[in-house]
C-alpha atoms as a PDB file:
ATOM      1  CA  MET A   1      23.120  22.252 -91.455  1.00  0.00           C
ATOM      2  CA  ARG A   2      25.467  23.299 -94.199  1.00  0.00           C
ATOM      3  CA  PHE A   3      24.303  24.473 -97.644  1.00  0.00           C
ATOM      4  CA  VAL A   4      25.724  24.806-101.144  1.00  0.00           C
ATOM      5  CA  VAL A   5      24.230  27.429-103.510  1.00  0.00           C
ATOM      6  CA  LEU A   6      23.873  26.897-107.238  1.00  0.00           C
ATOM      7  CA  ALA A   7      22.807  30.040-109.005  1.00  0.00           C
ATOM      8  CA  HIS A   8      21.727  31.300-112.410  1.00  0.00           C
ATOM      9  CA  VAL A   9      21.165  34.949-113.458  1.00  0.00           C
ATOM     10  CA  ALA A  10      19.544  35.598-116.866  1.00  0.00           C
ATOM     11  CA  ARG A  11      20.938  39.083-117.332  1.00  0.00           C
ATOM     12  CA  ALA A  12      23.662  41.303-115.895  1.00  0.00           C
ATOM     13  CA  THR A  13      21.735  44.577-115.401  1.00  0.00           C
ATOM     14  CA  LEU A  14      18.584  45.011-113.436  1.00  0.00           C
ATOM     15  CA  ALA A  15      15.970  47.763-114.031  1.00  0.00           C
ATOM     16  CA  ALA A  16      14.941  48.091-110.400  1.00  0.00           C
ATOM     17  CA  ALA A  17      15.815  46.704-107.007  1.00  0.00           C
ATOM     18  CA  PRO A  18      15.611  42.877-107.373  1.00  0.00           C
ATOM     19  CA  ARG A  19      13.147  41.057-105.196  1.00  0.00           C
ATOM     20  CA  PHE A  20      13.820  37.676-103.723  1.00  0.00           C
ATOM     21  CA  ARG A  21      11.084  35.146-103.021  1.00  0.00           C
ATOM     22  CA  ALA A  22      10.670  31.438-102.310  1.00  0.00           C
ATOM     23  CA  GLY A  23      10.434  29.135-105.227  1.00  0.00           C
ATOM     24  CA  ARG A  24       7.003  27.840-106.385  1.00  0.00           C
ATOM     25  CA  PRO A  25       6.115  24.746-108.404  1.00  0.00           C
ATOM     26  CA  SER A  26       5.485  27.020-111.370  1.00  0.00           C
ATOM     27  CA  ASP A  27       9.186  27.994-111.369  1.00  0.00           C
ATOM     28  CA  LEU A  28      10.385  24.480-111.860  1.00  0.00           C
ATOM     29  CA  ALA A  29       9.935  24.181-115.620  1.00  0.00           C
ATOM     30  CA  PRO A  30      12.222  27.070-116.501  1.00  0.00           C
ATOM     31  CA  ILE A  31      14.719  25.972-113.903  1.00  0.00           C
ATOM     32  CA  ALA A  32      14.690  22.418-115.275  1.00  0.00           C
ATOM     33  CA  ALA A  33      15.162  23.735-118.841  1.00  0.00           C
ATOM     34  CA  THR A  34      18.212  25.751-117.759  1.00  0.00           C
ATOM     35  CA  LEU A  35      19.726  22.765-115.962  1.00  0.00           C
ATOM     36  CA  ALA A  36      19.118  20.491-119.004  1.00  0.00           C
ATOM     37  CA  LYS A  37      20.738  22.996-121.366  1.00  0.00           C
ATOM     38  CA  ASN A  38      23.825  22.931-119.111  1.00  0.00           C
ATOM     39  CA  LEU A  39      23.920  19.113-119.012  1.00  0.00           C
ATOM     40  CA  MET A  40      22.812  18.940-115.412  1.00  0.00           C
ATOM     41  CA  ASN A  41      20.189  16.569-114.043  1.00  0.00           C
ATOM     42  CA  PRO A  42      16.866  18.426-113.942  1.00  0.00           C
ATOM     43  CA  LEU A  43      14.975  15.552-112.238  1.00  0.00           C
ATOM     44  CA  ALA A  44      13.747  15.500-108.608  1.00  0.00           C
ATOM     45  CA  LEU A  45      13.707  19.285-108.131  1.00  0.00           C
ATOM     46  CA  ASP A  46      12.095  20.641-105.021  1.00  0.00           C
ATOM     47  CA  ALA A  47      10.610  24.125-105.341  1.00  0.00           C
ATOM     48  CA  SER A  48      11.066  24.786-101.604  1.00  0.00           C
ATOM     49  CA  ARG A  49      14.883  24.667-102.083  1.00  0.00           C
ATOM     50  CA  PHE A  50      14.915  27.571-104.604  1.00  0.00           C
ATOM     51  CA  GLU A  51      15.065  31.322-104.104  1.00  0.00           C
ATOM     52  CA  ILE A  52      13.845  33.245-107.141  1.00  0.00           C
ATOM     53  CA  VAL A  53      15.154  36.707-108.129  1.00  0.00           C
ATOM     54  CA  GLU A  54      12.612  38.991-109.826  1.00  0.00           C
ATOM     55  CA  ASP A  55      13.086  42.382-111.414  1.00  0.00           C
ATOM     56  CA  ALA A  56      10.043  44.462-112.505  1.00  0.00           C
ATOM     57  CA  GLY A  57       7.906  41.288-112.183  1.00  0.00           C
ATOM     58  CA  GLU A  58      10.175  39.197-114.438  1.00  0.00           C
ATOM     59  CA  ARG A  59      12.087  36.162-113.230  1.00  0.00           C
ATOM     60  CA  VAL A  60      15.767  37.055-113.887  1.00  0.00           C
ATOM     61  CA  GLY A  61      17.627  34.467-111.767  1.00  0.00           C
ATOM     62  CA  TRP A  62      17.449  31.765-109.153  1.00  0.00           C
ATOM     63  CA  GLY A  63      19.539  30.043-106.564  1.00  0.00           C
ATOM     64  CA  GLN A  64      19.206  26.539-105.151  1.00  0.00           C
ATOM     65  CA  LEU A  65      19.927  25.940-101.467  1.00  0.00           C
ATOM     66  CA  LYS A  66      20.989  22.329-101.226  1.00  0.00           C
ATOM     67  CA  PRO A  67      21.508  20.829 -97.682  1.00  0.00           C
ATOM     68  CA  LEU A  68      24.700  18.819 -97.270  1.00  0.00           C
ATOM     69  CA  GLY A  69      23.939  17.450 -93.839  1.00  0.00           C
ATOM     70  CA  PRO A  70      24.777  18.557 -90.329  1.00  0.00           C
ATOM     71  CA  ALA A  71      27.877  20.714 -89.875  1.00  0.00           C
ATOM     72  CA  GLY A  72      29.142  18.560 -87.059  1.00  0.00           C
ATOM     73  CA  ARG A  73      31.433  19.460 -84.329  1.00  0.00           C
ATOM     74  CA  ALA A  74      34.819  21.091 -84.979  1.00  0.00           C
ATOM     75  CA  ASP A  75      36.618  18.492 -82.891  1.00  0.00           C
ATOM     76  CA  ALA A  76      35.302  15.672 -85.036  1.00  0.00           C
ATOM     77  CA  TYR A  77      37.608  16.598 -87.917  1.00  0.00           C
ATOM     78  CA  ASP A  78      41.235  15.649 -88.421  1.00  0.00           C
ATOM     79  CA  ALA A  79      42.769  18.973 -87.360  1.00  0.00           C
ATOM     80  CA  ARG A  80      45.735  19.737 -85.300  1.00  0.00           C
ATOM     81  CA  PRO A  81      45.041  21.127 -81.796  1.00  0.00           C
ATOM     82  CA  GLY A  82      44.998  24.909 -81.900  1.00  0.00           C
ATOM     83  CA  SER A  83      44.268  25.093 -85.611  1.00  0.00           C
ATOM     84  CA  ALA A  84      41.098  26.744 -87.035  1.00  0.00           C
ATOM     85  CA  GLY A  85      39.395  23.339 -87.372  1.00  0.00           C
ATOM     86  CA  GLY A  86      40.215  21.849 -83.972  1.00  0.00           C
END
């Protein structure tokens, strides 16, 4: 399975070591608001696909892990024999 990561960080400096945790349904409202502000579709969000970054108990960022489908076999691509893809 391949993934693409979309991320948002609210501030550049962190007070302590950031903590990563799995997303919860309660995280979806602020994530949806951020997406809508950036003219991205905030509908059909799934909390299980988000990693939340917290610093000193405050949510400071998040990342979405979005599955793109199976990676497939390297020989299934149009690549010359001996190249990195074949």
